[in-house]
Amino acid sequence: MKVTNIALAGAAIGLTNATPVAKRAITDADILNYALTLEHLEASFYEEGLKNYTKEDFMNAGMNDTFYTNLQEIAADEKTHETFLTGALSAAGASPVARCNYTFPATDVKGFLALASVLEGVGVSAYLGAAGSIMNATYLGAAASILTVEARHSAYLRAALAESPFPQAFDNPLDFNEVYTVASPFISSCPSTNGALPVKAFPSLTMSGSSAVMTGSTVQLMTGSGFNMSNTDDIYAAFITVTGPVWATLKSNGKGMFTVTVPKGVAGQSYVVLTKGNKMATDDNIVAGPAIVEVGSMMGSGSGMGGSMTTSWPSSGTMMPSGSASPSHTPFNAAPSSKGDMFGVVGAAFIAVAALF
């Protein structure tokens, strides 16, 4: 898979103007603006959430003083990243992109935290995917430093949702176009003065399901507008990993709908794309996606890990648990009363996100 990206830079998301430019060589300034777009989105998301929900709201949702303080620190980190990248671009003689206008679907504290976890995961994948394209060693070191902090944010928030904070040994990278595809629904408009970056959006892909989906089970994928392939005989599903795609059994149900078998070899926040052919998954042959899929083990009592489950993002329906949540995490007053309750909250957040597509 090309390292030209982020399904995270969710940043690139709206990166700039709504219309991406023709494919061209990407520069370090492009990558920094790509990252800045992501940081703009994340910083805006936390600012809005901490404005909309009080400390009491978080306490009523089961969090305690420590968690609220740490959440404020996460927000401060994103603001610092935003300021740093803006300064780095200006110092290099490049024009930093300005914030866009955003639409976030969270309607309560638990939905806000569920979406925060997803966005942090995309951020990790975006920086990881973009790292190989950065030529300047200083910029690469700075990006790597931000990446490690984003990973800490992701692990902390996953633990808050009773998900494994480190579900696998390797994180999954996303290319620029993949990140743009995932993040663009959050961008409502951008300043006309923002320079266009060399990205494009693939047709959207969502995964539906109202109950737990185990590895080896099948779920339904739905393509969005722009997917107009009449012959789907050569369409395959690829789960993106750092070592290359993990191919999954795919069956066309007509009208842009498919069923896919969740393969072994992926865990945690994962990404699936549809490709033309099954030799590679690159900008040249991806025809839809990525869809974000949570694949992995839930934290539970005893061993600390529960049964395997899969959830989709965007998605519809309520996700069902496979064990009891751990009540012992120091930052939180208590875990949700049941995994069913917690998954209902996460599922509701995914439903809201799906409505943006």
Protein backbone atom coordinates (compact mmCIF):
# COMPACT_ATOMS: atom_id res chain seq x y z
CA MET A 1 0.00 0.00 0.00
CA LYS A 2 1.31 3.45 -0.85
CA VAL A 3 2.62 5.46 2.01
CA THR A 4 1.07 8.73 0.82
CA ASN A 5 -1.60 9.15 3.34
CA ILE A 6 -3.92 8.96 6.38
CA ALA A 7 -7.31 7.67 6.82
CA LEU A 8 -6.54 9.89 9.58
CA ALA A 9 -5.40 12.81 8.98
CA GLY A 10 -8.93 12.76 9.26
CA ALA A 11 -7.08 15.79 9.07
CA ALA A 12 -6.85 15.87 5.57
CA ILE A 13 -10.31 15.52 5.70
CA GLY A 14 -11.45 18.68 4.69
CA LEU A 15 -8.14 19.58 4.35
CA THR A 16 -8.72 22.39 2.30
CA ASN A 17 -11.11 23.15 -0.38
CA ALA A 18 -13.77 20.60 -1.14
CA THR A 19 -12.20 19.75 -4.49
CA PRO A 20 -8.88 17.91 -4.41
CA VAL A 21 -6.32 18.70 -7.08
CA ALA A 22 -4.87 16.39 -9.68
CA LYS A 23 -2.33 13.85 -8.50
CA ARG A 24 1.16 15.36 -8.08
CA ALA A 25 4.32 14.85 -6.08
CA ILE A 26 3.67 15.50 -2.40
CA THR A 27 6.06 17.74 -0.51
CA ASP A 28 6.95 17.96 3.18
CA ALA A 29 4.92 21.17 3.34
CA ASP A 30 1.91 19.28 1.96
CA ILE A 31 2.36 16.61 4.62
CA LEU A 32 2.67 19.15 7.42
CA ASN A 33 -0.48 20.89 6.20
CA TYR A 34 -2.14 17.52 5.99
CA ALA A 35 -1.19 16.86 9.62
CA LEU A 36 -2.25 20.38 10.59
CA THR A 37 -5.66 19.78 9.06
CA LEU A 38 -6.00 16.77 11.30
CA GLU A 39 -4.86 18.66 14.37
CA HIS A 40 -7.31 21.46 13.56
CA LEU A 41 -10.10 18.88 13.51
CA GLU A 42 -9.07 17.20 16.75
CA ALA A 43 -8.46 20.46 18.60
CA SER A 44 -11.86 21.76 17.48
CA PHE A 45 -13.51 18.50 18.53
CA TYR A 46 -12.16 18.65 22.09
CA GLU A 47 -12.85 22.37 22.43
CA GLU A 48 -16.46 21.80 21.42
CA GLY A 49 -16.85 18.78 23.70
CA LEU A 50 -15.40 20.48 26.77
CA LYS A 51 -17.60 23.48 26.08
CA ASN A 52 -20.76 21.41 25.62
CA TYR A 53 -20.24 19.07 28.61
CA THR A 54 -19.35 20.13 32.12
CA LYS A 55 -17.20 18.34 34.64
CA GLU A 56 -20.44 17.28 36.34
CA ASP A 57 -21.66 15.77 33.07
CA PHE A 58 -18.52 13.62 32.90
CA MET A 59 -18.92 12.62 36.55
CA ASN A 60 -22.53 11.60 35.90
CA ALA A 61 -21.30 9.48 32.97
CA GLY A 62 -19.08 7.47 35.34
CA MET A 63 -15.80 9.38 35.09
CA ASN A 64 -13.91 10.94 37.98
CA ASP A 65 -11.70 13.97 38.61
CA THR A 66 -8.58 12.25 37.32
CA PHE A 67 -10.19 11.34 34.04
CA TYR A 68 -11.59 14.83 33.50
CA THR A 69 -8.18 16.37 34.20
CA ASN A 70 -6.52 13.98 31.77
CA LEU A 71 -9.14 14.72 29.13
CA GLN A 72 -8.33 18.42 29.47
CA GLU A 73 -4.68 17.51 28.99
CA ILE A 74 -5.52 15.60 25.80
CA ALA A 75 -7.32 18.70 24.52
CA ALA A 76 -4.30 20.83 25.43
CA ASP A 77 -1.98 18.42 23.59
CA GLU A 78 -4.03 18.74 20.40
CA LYS A 79 -3.97 22.53 20.67
CA THR A 80 -0.19 22.43 21.18
CA HIS A 81 0.22 20.20 18.11
CA GLU A 82 -1.89 22.66 16.14
CA THR A 83 0.24 25.62 17.25
CA PHE A 84 3.51 23.78 16.62
CA LEU A 85 2.65 22.71 13.07
CA THR A 86 1.38 26.19 12.22
CA GLY A 87 4.68 27.66 13.42
CA ALA A 88 6.76 25.06 11.58
CA LEU A 89 5.01 25.78 8.29
CA SER A 90 5.35 29.53 8.71
CA ALA A 91 9.03 29.20 9.60
CA ALA A 92 9.58 27.16 6.45
CA GLY A 93 7.95 29.84 4.31
CA ALA A 94 4.80 27.80 3.64
CA SER A 95 1.22 28.92 4.19
CA PRO A 96 -0.46 26.93 6.99
CA VAL A 97 -4.07 25.95 6.38
CA ALA A 98 -6.67 27.52 8.67
CA ARG A 99 -9.35 25.70 10.63
CA CYS A 100 -12.41 24.55 8.75
CA ASN A 101 -15.99 24.36 10.02
CA TYR A 102 -16.84 20.95 11.46
CA THR A 103 -19.89 18.86 12.25
CA PHE A 104 -19.51 16.30 15.03
CA PRO A 105 -22.43 13.93 15.75
CA ALA A 106 -21.88 13.31 19.48
CA THR A 107 -24.96 14.25 21.53
CA ASP A 108 -23.85 13.24 25.04
CA VAL A 109 -20.68 12.56 27.04
CA LYS A 110 -20.49 8.85 26.26
CA GLY A 111 -21.03 9.47 22.56
CA PHE A 112 -18.35 12.16 22.68
CA LEU A 113 -15.87 9.75 24.28
CA ALA A 114 -16.68 7.01 21.78
CA LEU A 115 -16.03 9.37 18.88
CA ALA A 116 -12.88 10.70 20.57
CA SER A 117 -11.52 7.16 20.72
CA VAL A 118 -12.19 6.63 17.00
CA LEU A 119 -10.61 9.96 16.01
CA GLU A 120 -7.50 9.30 18.08
CA GLY A 121 -7.17 5.90 16.42
CA VAL A 122 -7.43 7.49 13.00
CA GLY A 123 -4.81 10.02 14.03
CA VAL A 124 -2.37 7.25 14.89
CA SER A 125 -2.98 5.60 11.53
CA ALA A 126 -2.67 8.89 9.67
CA TYR A 127 0.70 9.85 11.14
CA LEU A 128 1.96 6.30 10.70
CA GLY A 129 0.91 6.26 7.06
CA ALA A 130 2.39 9.67 6.30
CA ALA A 131 5.74 9.08 8.02
CA GLY A 132 7.34 7.25 5.10
CA SER A 133 6.74 10.20 2.79
CA ILE A 134 8.51 12.82 4.94
CA MET A 135 11.94 13.63 3.55
CA ASN A 136 13.23 16.12 6.13
CA ALA A 137 14.64 14.33 9.17
CA THR A 138 13.65 17.13 11.55
CA TYR A 139 10.05 17.07 10.35
CA LEU A 140 10.03 13.29 10.56
CA GLY A 141 11.21 13.40 14.16
CA ALA A 142 8.54 15.94 15.06
CA ALA A 143 5.80 13.90 13.38
CA ALA A 144 6.99 10.75 15.15
CA SER A 145 6.88 12.57 18.48
CA ILE A 146 3.26 13.61 17.84
CA LEU A 147 2.41 10.06 16.75
CA THR A 148 3.53 8.54 20.05
CA VAL A 149 1.39 11.00 22.01
CA GLU A 150 -1.63 10.30 19.79
CA ALA A 151 -1.11 6.61 20.54
CA ARG A 152 -1.17 7.34 24.28
CA HIS A 153 -4.40 9.29 23.86
CA SER A 154 -5.90 6.39 21.93
CA ALA A 155 -4.92 3.78 24.52
CA TYR A 156 -6.28 5.89 27.39
CA LEU A 157 -9.64 6.47 25.72
CA ARG A 158 -9.95 2.84 24.63
CA ALA A 159 -9.49 1.81 28.26
CA ALA A 160 -12.25 4.25 29.23
CA LEU A 161 -14.60 2.36 26.89
CA ALA A 162 -13.51 -1.01 28.30
CA GLU A 163 -11.67 -1.82 25.06
CA SER A 164 -8.18 -3.28 25.05
CA PRO A 165 -5.76 -0.31 25.07
CA PHE A 166 -3.21 -2.27 23.01
CA PRO A 167 -5.14 -4.85 20.96
CA GLN A 168 -2.26 -5.86 18.71
CA ALA A 169 1.51 -5.60 18.33
CA PHE A 170 1.36 -3.27 15.31
CA ASP A 171 -0.81 -0.28 14.41
CA ASN A 172 -2.41 0.07 10.99
CA PRO A 173 -1.25 2.83 8.60
CA LEU A 174 -3.58 4.77 6.30
CA ASP A 175 -2.69 6.68 3.15
CA PHE A 176 -3.70 10.29 2.47
CA ASN A 177 -6.66 9.41 0.25
CA GLU A 178 -7.92 6.83 2.71
CA VAL A 179 -7.82 9.34 5.53
CA TYR A 180 -9.51 11.97 3.41
CA THR A 181 -12.30 9.50 2.61
CA VAL A 182 -12.93 8.74 6.28
CA ALA A 183 -12.56 12.26 7.65
CA SER A 184 -14.30 14.41 5.06
CA PRO A 185 -17.84 13.84 6.44
CA PHE A 186 -16.86 15.87 9.51
CA ILE A 187 -15.89 18.91 7.41
CA SER A 188 -18.76 21.20 6.52
CA SER A 189 -16.71 23.96 4.86
CA CYS A 190 -13.16 25.35 4.67
CA PRO A 191 -11.72 28.80 4.02
CA SER A 192 -11.19 29.57 0.34
CA THR A 193 -7.67 30.68 1.23
CA ASN A 194 -6.63 27.16 2.20
CA GLY A 195 -4.41 25.65 -0.44
CA ALA A 196 -5.56 22.40 -2.00
CA LEU A 197 -3.63 19.24 -1.19
CA PRO A 198 -3.17 16.31 -3.61
CA VAL A 199 -5.89 14.07 -2.21
CA LYS A 200 -9.11 12.50 -3.39
CA ALA A 201 -11.98 10.70 -1.70
CA PHE A 202 -12.92 7.16 -2.62
CA PRO A 203 -16.60 6.14 -2.61
CA SER A 204 -17.64 5.63 1.01
CA LEU A 205 -17.95 2.20 2.59
CA THR A 206 -19.89 1.33 5.74
CA MET A 207 -20.40 -1.85 7.67
CA SER A 208 -23.73 -2.66 9.28
CA GLY A 209 -24.61 -5.01 12.11
CA SER A 210 -26.72 -5.00 15.25
CA SER A 211 -24.92 -7.69 17.22
CA ALA A 212 -21.42 -8.91 17.97
CA VAL A 213 -19.49 -10.13 14.92
CA MET A 214 -16.80 -12.66 15.61
CA THR A 215 -13.65 -13.27 13.58
CA GLY A 216 -14.71 -15.74 10.88
CA SER A 217 -18.28 -14.45 10.75
CA THR A 218 -19.72 -12.40 7.91
CA VAL A 219 -20.98 -8.82 7.96
CA GLN A 220 -22.53 -6.60 5.34
CA LEU A 221 -20.67 -3.81 3.59
CA MET A 222 -22.50 -0.99 1.81
CA THR A 223 -20.93 1.33 -0.74
CA GLY A 224 -21.90 4.96 -1.14
CA SER A 225 -22.38 7.26 -4.08
CA GLY A 226 -19.65 7.09 -6.69
CA PHE A 227 -19.43 3.31 -6.68
CA ASN A 228 -20.70 2.49 -10.15
CA MET A 229 -19.01 -0.76 -11.05
CA SER A 230 -21.43 -2.98 -12.96
CA ASN A 231 -19.08 -5.96 -12.92
CA THR A 232 -18.09 -6.96 -9.40
CA ASP A 233 -16.51 -10.32 -10.26
CA ASP A 234 -13.02 -8.94 -9.63
CA ILE A 235 -13.81 -6.95 -6.45
CA TYR A 236 -12.08 -8.04 -3.24
CA ALA A 237 -12.01 -6.94 0.41
CA ALA A 238 -8.68 -6.01 1.99
CA PHE A 239 -8.08 -5.29 5.67
CA ILE A 240 -5.16 -2.87 5.89
CA THR A 241 -2.17 -3.79 8.08
CA VAL A 242 1.41 -2.54 8.31
CA THR A 243 2.70 -5.65 6.53
CA GLY A 244 0.19 -5.41 3.71
CA PRO A 245 -3.47 -6.26 3.10
CA VAL A 246 -5.18 -9.22 4.74
CA TRP A 247 -7.61 -10.46 2.11
CA ALA A 248 -11.10 -11.48 3.18
CA THR A 249 -13.78 -13.54 1.50
CA LEU A 250 -16.23 -11.19 -0.24
CA LYS A 251 -19.58 -11.84 -1.89
CA SER A 252 -21.58 -9.36 -3.94
CA ASN A 253 -25.26 -9.04 -3.08
CA GLY A 254 -25.96 -6.52 -5.83
CA LYS A 255 -26.68 -2.77 -5.70
CA GLY A 256 -23.31 -1.99 -4.14
CA MET A 257 -23.81 -4.31 -1.17
CA PHE A 258 -21.44 -7.08 -0.16
CA THR A 259 -20.91 -9.59 2.62
CA VAL A 260 -17.39 -10.10 3.94
CA THR A 261 -15.84 -12.66 6.25
CA VAL A 262 -13.81 -11.01 9.02
CA PRO A 263 -10.34 -12.57 8.73
CA LYS A 264 -7.76 -13.52 11.30
CA GLY A 265 -4.71 -11.31 11.56
CA VAL A 266 -6.41 -7.98 12.34
CA ALA A 267 -7.26 -6.53 15.74
CA GLY A 268 -8.33 -3.28 17.34
CA GLN A 269 -9.35 -0.31 15.21
CA SER A 270 -9.01 -1.72 11.72
CA TYR A 271 -9.80 -0.61 8.17
CA VAL A 272 -11.27 -2.49 5.23
CA VAL A 273 -11.30 -1.33 1.60
CA LEU A 274 -12.70 -2.80 -1.60
CA THR A 275 -10.18 -3.28 -4.39
CA LYS A 276 -10.11 -4.16 -8.07
CA GLY A 277 -8.11 -7.37 -8.02
CA ASN A 278 -6.40 -8.96 -5.05
CA LYS A 279 -2.72 -8.31 -5.69
CA MET A 280 -2.43 -4.96 -3.91
CA ALA A 281 -4.45 -2.26 -2.14
CA THR A 282 -3.25 1.13 -3.40
CA ASP A 283 -4.67 4.39 -4.67
CA ASP A 284 -4.69 2.87 -8.15
CA ASN A 285 -7.06 0.00 -7.42
CA ILE A 286 -9.08 0.90 -4.29
CA VAL A 287 -12.70 1.35 -5.41
CA ALA A 288 -14.39 2.04 -2.04
CA GLY A 289 -13.58 2.63 1.59
CA PRO A 290 -12.10 2.40 4.05
CA ALA A 291 -14.74 1.41 6.56
CA ILE A 292 -13.54 1.50 10.17
CA VAL A 293 -14.04 -1.74 12.05
CA GLU A 294 -13.25 -2.51 15.68
CA VAL A 295 -11.88 -6.07 15.86
CA GLY A 296 -10.56 -7.46 19.08
CA SER A 297 -10.93 -8.51 22.66
CA MET A 298 -12.80 -6.58 25.30
CA MET A 299 -11.25 -5.92 28.69
CA GLY A 300 -12.92 -8.05 31.32
CA SER A 301 -12.56 -9.27 34.88
CA GLY A 302 -10.16 -12.00 35.86
CA SER A 303 -7.63 -12.20 33.04
CA GLY A 304 -8.42 -8.66 31.98
CA MET A 305 -9.59 -9.71 28.54
CA GLY A 306 -13.04 -10.71 27.41
CA GLY A 307 -14.29 -12.43 24.29
CA SER A 308 -13.59 -11.33 20.74
CA MET A 309 -15.97 -8.84 19.16
CA THR A 310 -16.15 -6.63 16.10
CA THR A 311 -17.89 -3.32 15.64
CA SER A 312 -18.12 -1.04 12.64
CA TRP A 313 -17.63 2.67 12.11
CA PRO A 314 -19.75 4.14 10.72
CA SER A 315 -22.36 1.57 11.69
CA SER A 316 -25.91 1.05 12.75
CA GLY A 317 -27.41 -0.96 15.53
CA THR A 318 -26.33 -1.71 19.08
CA MET A 319 -23.12 -3.62 19.69
CA MET A 320 -23.44 -6.51 22.08
CA PRO A 321 -20.79 -7.56 24.61
CA SER A 322 -19.24 -10.90 25.37
CA GLY A 323 -18.28 -10.53 29.01
CA SER A 324 -18.28 -8.21 31.99
CA ALA A 325 -16.37 -4.93 31.96
CA SER A 326 -13.54 -4.32 34.37
CA PRO A 327 -14.49 -1.96 37.22
CA SER A 328 -10.95 -1.36 38.39
CA HIS A 329 -9.57 1.38 36.12
CA THR A 330 -8.23 4.16 38.35
CA PRO A 331 -9.24 7.12 36.12
CA PHE A 332 -12.91 6.20 36.18
CA ASN A 333 -15.45 6.05 39.00
CA ALA A 334 -16.92 2.87 37.57
CA ALA A 335 -17.20 0.93 34.36
CA PRO A 336 -20.57 0.94 32.57
CA SER A 337 -23.16 -1.14 34.40
CA SER A 338 -22.86 -3.75 31.69
CA LYS A 339 -21.07 -4.14 28.41
CA GLY A 340 -24.44 -4.05 26.78
CA ASP A 341 -24.93 -0.52 28.12
CA MET A 342 -21.47 0.56 27.01
CA PHE A 343 -21.82 -0.92 23.56
CA GLY A 344 -25.19 0.70 23.16
CA VAL A 345 -23.51 4.06 23.72
CA VAL A 346 -20.72 3.34 21.24
CA GLY A 347 -23.24 1.99 18.76
CA ALA A 348 -25.32 5.14 19.04
CA ALA A 349 -22.24 7.23 18.29
CA PHE A 350 -21.54 5.14 15.21
CA ILE A 351 -25.15 5.57 14.04
CA ALA A 352 -24.80 9.31 14.30
CA VAL A 353 -21.56 9.25 12.31
CA ALA A 354 -23.12 7.06 9.63
CA ALA A 355 -25.80 9.70 9.15
CA LEU A 356 -23.10 12.07 7.91
CA PHE A 357 -22.34 9.94 4.86
